[in-house]
Amino acid sequence: MSRLLTLFLPVFLVFAAPAAAAPAVFTVHMSPSGADTNDGLTAATAVRTLTRVQQVLVAARPAIDVEVRINQGSYTAPQTTRNDSNDNDIYANTFERTGTAAYSEWFCDAACVAANPGHGRECASHGNVCHENAVVSSYSGGTLSTWTLSPPGIDLTGGAGCDNDAQKRLRTYGNT
């Protein structure tokens, strides 16, 4: 009997410790009290801007779904969407001493690709809404525009192969 127990005990020990499950989603945390020198991978190391969120994602190149957790509060950095980032709802923020516009959207169209060899063509974002934000002042304390689009044109899609689902790039209302 003791010989049989000796043979099976090592097998039990090998399989007794479960392997850690891989995360189902790659999460980046953003907070008004965060810092863009952080990595954003935990609530304690939250970043402050969507620009930094994008940098984290480009560097990490996650092969799983992505979740960006944006804490409620006043953000002083402008919000930017780019390259087919669609249906974002930007509201109830305070933009003070920040950039030149509270919201900007840009993409690299055919003219941009011609001017920047090696850069791929991108599609315009669409269906984004910027509303009920307090648009206070630019970095210098001067007037801050509510939004800017580059290249300009509310209906641009980005050309062949890009579909905007018949939506404008941006809708705004109720910003003060």
C-alpha atoms as a PDB file:
ATOM      1  CA  MET A   1       0.000   0.000   0.000  1.00  0.00           C
ATOM      2  CA  SER A   2       2.780   2.464   0.870  1.00  0.00           C
ATOM      3  CA  ARG A   3       4.469   1.687  -2.443  1.00  0.00           C
ATOM      4  CA  LEU A   4       1.279   2.596  -4.360  1.00  0.00           C
ATOM      5  CA  LEU A   5       0.927   5.869  -2.437  1.00  0.00           C
ATOM      6  CA  THR A   6       4.545   6.770  -3.205  1.00  0.00           C
ATOM      7  CA  LEU A   7       3.933   6.358  -6.931  1.00  0.00           C
ATOM      8  CA  PHE A   8       0.846   8.582  -7.063  1.00  0.00           C
ATOM      9  CA  LEU A   9       1.864  11.335  -4.641  1.00  0.00           C
ATOM     10  CA  PRO A  10       4.292  13.128  -7.007  1.00  0.00           C
ATOM     11  CA  VAL A  11       1.644  13.198  -9.758  1.00  0.00           C
ATOM     12  CA  PHE A  12      -0.816  14.829  -7.342  1.00  0.00           C
ATOM     13  CA  LEU A  13       1.706  17.521  -6.418  1.00  0.00           C
ATOM     14  CA  VAL A  14       2.404  18.378 -10.041  1.00  0.00           C
ATOM     15  CA  PHE A  15      -1.267  18.966 -10.822  1.00  0.00           C
ATOM     16  CA  ALA A  16      -2.352  20.452  -7.484  1.00  0.00           C
ATOM     17  CA  ALA A  17      -1.297  24.075  -8.228  1.00  0.00           C
ATOM     18  CA  PRO A  18      -3.551  25.642 -10.898  1.00  0.00           C
ATOM     19  CA  ALA A  19      -1.878  27.843 -13.484  1.00  0.00           C
ATOM     20  CA  ALA A  20      -2.707  31.551 -13.391  1.00  0.00           C
ATOM     21  CA  ALA A  21      -5.341  32.398 -15.993  1.00  0.00           C
ATOM     22  CA  ALA A  22      -4.351  34.892 -18.676  1.00  0.00           C
ATOM     23  CA  PRO A  23      -6.306  38.172 -18.500  1.00  0.00           C
ATOM     24  CA  ALA A  24      -9.319  38.277 -20.814  1.00  0.00           C
ATOM     25  CA  VAL A  25      -8.872  41.979 -21.486  1.00  0.00           C
ATOM     26  CA  PHE A  26      -5.971  44.465 -21.561  1.00  0.00           C
ATOM     27  CA  THR A  27      -6.969  47.387 -19.311  1.00  0.00           C
ATOM     28  CA  VAL A  28      -5.570  50.916 -19.295  1.00  0.00           C
ATOM     29  CA  HIS A  29      -6.659  53.249 -16.467  1.00  0.00           C
ATOM     30  CA  MET A  30      -7.150  57.005 -16.933  1.00  0.00           C
ATOM     31  CA  SER A  31      -7.821  59.480 -14.133  1.00  0.00           C
ATOM     32  CA  PRO A  32      -7.819  63.270 -13.667  1.00  0.00           C
ATOM     33  CA  SER A  33      -5.281  62.682 -10.881  1.00  0.00           C
ATOM     34  CA  GLY A  34      -3.169  60.375 -13.086  1.00  0.00           C
ATOM     35  CA  ALA A  35       0.135  61.295 -14.722  1.00  0.00           C
ATOM     36  CA  ASP A  36       1.259  60.733 -18.289  1.00  0.00           C
ATOM     37  CA  THR A  37       4.574  59.426 -16.938  1.00  0.00           C
ATOM     38  CA  ASN A  38       2.638  56.411 -15.572  1.00  0.00           C
ATOM     39  CA  ASP A  39       1.990  53.159 -17.442  1.00  0.00           C
ATOM     40  CA  GLY A  40      -1.805  53.120 -16.801  1.00  0.00           C
ATOM     41  CA  LEU A  41      -1.862  49.384 -16.130  1.00  0.00           C
ATOM     42  CA  THR A  42      -3.416  49.731 -12.647  1.00  0.00           C
ATOM     43  CA  ALA A  43      -5.729  52.261 -10.977  1.00  0.00           C
ATOM     44  CA  ALA A  44      -2.739  53.354  -8.864  1.00  0.00           C
ATOM     45  CA  THR A  45      -0.683  54.066 -12.024  1.00  0.00           C
ATOM     46  CA  ALA A  46      -3.449  55.735 -14.076  1.00  0.00           C
ATOM     47  CA  VAL A  47      -2.533  58.037 -16.954  1.00  0.00           C
ATOM     48  CA  ARG A  48      -4.085  61.482 -17.387  1.00  0.00           C
ATOM     49  CA  THR A  49      -4.839  61.787 -21.134  1.00  0.00           C
ATOM     50  CA  LEU A  50      -6.202  59.774 -24.034  1.00  0.00           C
ATOM     51  CA  THR A  51      -3.000  60.599 -25.891  1.00  0.00           C
ATOM     52  CA  ARG A  52      -1.050  58.656 -23.253  1.00  0.00           C
ATOM     53  CA  VAL A  53      -3.602  55.807 -23.408  1.00  0.00           C
ATOM     54  CA  GLN A  54      -2.884  55.570 -27.132  1.00  0.00           C
ATOM     55  CA  GLN A  55       0.889  55.536 -26.492  1.00  0.00           C
ATOM     56  CA  VAL A  56       0.487  52.710 -23.957  1.00  0.00           C
ATOM     57  CA  LEU A  57      -1.574  50.676 -26.435  1.00  0.00           C
ATOM     58  CA  VAL A  58       0.848  51.237 -29.320  1.00  0.00           C
ATOM     59  CA  ALA A  59       3.776  50.143 -27.136  1.00  0.00           C
ATOM     60  CA  ALA A  60       1.978  47.107 -25.680  1.00  0.00           C
ATOM     61  CA  ARG A  61       0.308  45.917 -28.908  1.00  0.00           C
ATOM     62  CA  PRO A  62      -2.158  43.747 -26.954  1.00  0.00           C
ATOM     63  CA  ALA A  63      -3.463  40.688 -28.790  1.00  0.00           C
ATOM     64  CA  ILE A  64      -6.640  40.635 -26.671  1.00  0.00           C
ATOM     65  CA  ASP A  65      -9.602  42.976 -26.197  1.00  0.00           C
ATOM     66  CA  VAL A  66      -8.809  46.423 -24.773  1.00  0.00           C
ATOM     67  CA  GLU A  67     -10.706  48.275 -22.045  1.00  0.00           C
ATOM     68  CA  VAL A  68      -9.965  51.910 -21.176  1.00  0.00           C
ATOM     69  CA  ARG A  69     -11.321  52.824 -17.736  1.00  0.00           C
ATOM     70  CA  ILE A  70     -11.857  56.600 -17.568  1.00  0.00           C
ATOM     71  CA  ASN A  71     -12.542  57.897 -14.062  1.00  0.00           C
ATOM     72  CA  GLN A  72     -15.112  60.657 -13.719  1.00  0.00           C
ATOM     73  CA  GLY A  73     -13.711  64.123 -13.139  1.00  0.00           C
ATOM     74  CA  SER A  74     -12.264  67.244 -14.703  1.00  0.00           C
ATOM     75  CA  TYR A  75      -9.614  66.659 -17.337  1.00  0.00           C
ATOM     76  CA  THR A  76      -7.336  69.472 -18.320  1.00  0.00           C
ATOM     77  CA  ALA A  77      -5.922  67.732 -21.386  1.00  0.00           C
ATOM     78  CA  PRO A  78      -7.725  67.857 -24.714  1.00  0.00           C
ATOM     79  CA  GLN A  79      -9.432  64.698 -25.950  1.00  0.00           C
ATOM     80  CA  THR A  80      -8.260  63.407 -29.333  1.00  0.00           C
ATOM     81  CA  THR A  81      -9.594  60.629 -31.528  1.00  0.00           C
ATOM     82  CA  ARG A  82      -7.779  59.280 -34.540  1.00  0.00           C
ATOM     83  CA  ASN A  83      -7.949  56.711 -37.309  1.00  0.00           C
ATOM     84  CA  ASP A  84     -11.481  55.312 -37.182  1.00  0.00           C
ATOM     85  CA  SER A  85     -12.019  55.739 -33.423  1.00  0.00           C
ATOM     86  CA  ASN A  86     -15.797  55.845 -33.524  1.00  0.00           C
ATOM     87  CA  ASP A  87     -18.831  56.580 -31.346  1.00  0.00           C
ATOM     88  CA  ASN A  88     -16.994  58.214 -28.419  1.00  0.00           C
ATOM     89  CA  ASP A  89     -19.143  60.245 -25.999  1.00  0.00           C
ATOM     90  CA  ILE A  90     -17.139  63.065 -24.408  1.00  0.00           C
ATOM     91  CA  TYR A  91     -19.204  64.913 -21.811  1.00  0.00           C
ATOM     92  CA  ALA A  92     -19.236  66.581 -18.369  1.00  0.00           C
ATOM     93  CA  ASN A  93     -15.530  67.509 -18.466  1.00  0.00           C
ATOM     94  CA  THR A  94     -13.812  70.791 -17.673  1.00  0.00           C
ATOM     95  CA  PHE A  95     -11.124  71.834 -20.149  1.00  0.00           C
ATOM     96  CA  GLU A  96      -8.998  74.523 -18.533  1.00  0.00           C
ATOM     97  CA  ARG A  97      -5.494  75.646 -19.550  1.00  0.00           C
ATOM     98  CA  THR A  98      -5.333  72.942 -22.188  1.00  0.00           C
ATOM     99  CA  GLY A  99      -4.222  72.751 -25.824  1.00  0.00           C
ATOM    100  CA  THR A 100      -5.909  74.721 -28.580  1.00  0.00           C
ATOM    101  CA  ALA A 101      -9.190  72.764 -28.669  1.00  0.00           C
ATOM    102  CA  ALA A 102     -11.107  70.679 -26.134  1.00  0.00           C
ATOM    103  CA  TYR A 103     -11.662  67.953 -28.759  1.00  0.00           C
ATOM    104  CA  SER A 104      -9.711  67.151 -31.902  1.00  0.00           C
ATOM    105  CA  GLU A 105      -9.968  64.429 -34.502  1.00  0.00           C
ATOM    106  CA  TRP A 106      -7.395  63.797 -37.185  1.00  0.00           C
ATOM    107  CA  PHE A 107      -6.355  61.153 -39.657  1.00  0.00           C
ATOM    108  CA  CYS A 108      -3.789  60.709 -42.401  1.00  0.00           C
ATOM    109  CA  ASP A 109      -5.535  60.937 -45.778  1.00  0.00           C
ATOM    110  CA  ALA A 110      -3.967  60.527 -49.243  1.00  0.00           C
ATOM    111  CA  ALA A 111      -2.390  64.040 -49.113  1.00  0.00           C
ATOM    112  CA  CYS A 112      -0.866  63.231 -45.702  1.00  0.00           C
ATOM    113  CA  VAL A 113       0.555  59.943 -47.009  1.00  0.00           C
ATOM    114  CA  ALA A 114       2.098  61.771 -50.003  1.00  0.00           C
ATOM    115  CA  ALA A 115       3.731  64.286 -47.630  1.00  0.00           C
ATOM    116  CA  ASN A 116       4.879  61.557 -45.198  1.00  0.00           C
ATOM    117  CA  PRO A 117       6.319  58.581 -47.129  1.00  0.00           C
ATOM    118  CA  GLY A 118       5.995  55.353 -45.193  1.00  0.00           C
ATOM    119  CA  HIS A 119       2.928  56.481 -43.238  1.00  0.00           C
ATOM    120  CA  GLY A 120      -0.186  54.464 -44.015  1.00  0.00           C
ATOM    121  CA  ARG A 121      -3.502  55.999 -45.030  1.00  0.00           C
ATOM    122  CA  GLU A 122      -6.097  56.111 -42.264  1.00  0.00           C
ATOM    123  CA  CYS A 123      -9.861  56.514 -42.032  1.00  0.00           C
ATOM    124  CA  ALA A 124     -11.658  59.402 -40.356  1.00  0.00           C
ATOM    125  CA  SER A 125     -13.418  58.741 -37.068  1.00  0.00           C
ATOM    126  CA  HIS A 126     -17.193  59.145 -37.045  1.00  0.00           C
ATOM    127  CA  GLY A 127     -20.170  59.264 -34.702  1.00  0.00           C
ATOM    128  CA  ASN A 128     -18.259  61.063 -31.937  1.00  0.00           C
ATOM    129  CA  VAL A 129     -20.200  63.413 -29.640  1.00  0.00           C
ATOM    130  CA  CYS A 130     -18.731  66.248 -27.567  1.00  0.00           C
ATOM    131  CA  HIS A 131     -21.361  67.804 -25.290  1.00  0.00           C
ATOM    132  CA  GLU A 132     -22.047  69.529 -21.989  1.00  0.00           C
ATOM    133  CA  ASN A 133     -18.381  70.279 -21.315  1.00  0.00           C
ATOM    134  CA  ALA A 134     -17.002  73.440 -19.714  1.00  0.00           C
ATOM    135  CA  VAL A 135     -14.550  74.799 -22.294  1.00  0.00           C
ATOM    136  CA  VAL A 136     -12.609  77.324 -20.204  1.00  0.00           C
ATOM    137  CA  SER A 137      -9.163  78.265 -21.537  1.00  0.00           C
ATOM    138  CA  SER A 138      -6.115  77.287 -23.603  1.00  0.00           C
ATOM    139  CA  TYR A 139      -2.609  76.629 -22.215  1.00  0.00           C
ATOM    140  CA  SER A 140      -1.870  80.339 -22.355  1.00  0.00           C
ATOM    141  CA  GLY A 141      -5.147  81.225 -20.619  1.00  0.00           C
ATOM    142  CA  GLY A 142      -6.706  82.494 -23.865  1.00  0.00           C
ATOM    143  CA  THR A 143      -9.821  81.338 -25.687  1.00  0.00           C
ATOM    144  CA  LEU A 144     -10.122  77.602 -26.250  1.00  0.00           C
ATOM    145  CA  SER A 145     -11.904  76.255 -29.316  1.00  0.00           C
ATOM    146  CA  THR A 146     -14.466  73.530 -28.609  1.00  0.00           C
ATOM    147  CA  TRP A 147     -13.243  71.341 -31.493  1.00  0.00           C
ATOM    148  CA  THR A 148     -10.955  71.032 -34.486  1.00  0.00           C
ATOM    149  CA  LEU A 149     -10.839  68.517 -37.340  1.00  0.00           C
ATOM    150  CA  SER A 150      -7.816  67.741 -39.492  1.00  0.00           C
ATOM    151  CA  PRO A 151      -8.081  67.540 -42.402  1.00  0.00           C
ATOM    152  CA  PRO A 152     -11.136  69.806 -42.174  1.00  0.00           C
ATOM    153  CA  GLY A 153     -14.539  68.548 -43.299  1.00  0.00           C
ATOM    154  CA  ILE A 154     -17.321  67.180 -41.139  1.00  0.00           C
ATOM    155  CA  ASP A 155     -18.326  64.550 -43.742  1.00  0.00           C
ATOM    156  CA  LEU A 156     -14.868  63.241 -44.757  1.00  0.00           C
ATOM    157  CA  THR A 157     -14.422  59.474 -44.555  1.00  0.00           C
ATOM    158  CA  GLY A 158     -10.762  59.146 -45.524  1.00  0.00           C
ATOM    159  CA  GLY A 159     -11.310  57.872 -49.042  1.00  0.00           C
ATOM    160  CA  ALA A 160     -11.853  54.495 -50.692  1.00  0.00           C
ATOM    161  CA  GLY A 161     -12.193  51.652 -48.220  1.00  0.00           C
ATOM    162  CA  CYS A 162     -13.339  53.916 -45.381  1.00  0.00           C
ATOM    163  CA  ASP A 163     -16.988  53.908 -44.351  1.00  0.00           C
ATOM    164  CA  ASN A 164     -18.493  56.451 -41.991  1.00  0.00           C
ATOM    165  CA  ASP A 165     -21.871  54.678 -41.697  1.00  0.00           C
ATOM    166  CA  ALA A 166     -23.505  57.918 -42.945  1.00  0.00           C
ATOM    167  CA  GLN A 167     -22.473  59.667 -39.706  1.00  0.00           C
ATOM    168  CA  LYS A 168     -20.748  63.015 -39.282  1.00  0.00           C
ATOM    169  CA  ARG A 169     -17.269  62.965 -37.791  1.00  0.00           C
ATOM    170  CA  LEU A 170     -18.463  64.962 -34.790  1.00  0.00           C
ATOM    171  CA  ARG A 171     -21.627  66.321 -33.189  1.00  0.00           C
ATOM    172  CA  THR A 172     -21.425  69.003 -30.493  1.00  0.00           C
ATOM    173  CA  TYR A 173     -23.985  70.642 -28.222  1.00  0.00           C
ATOM    174  CA  GLY A 174     -24.333  72.196 -24.794  1.00  0.00           C
ATOM    175  CA  ASN A 175     -20.644  73.105 -24.382  1.00  0.00           C
ATOM    176  CA  THR A 176     -20.040  76.345 -22.479  1.00  0.00           C
END
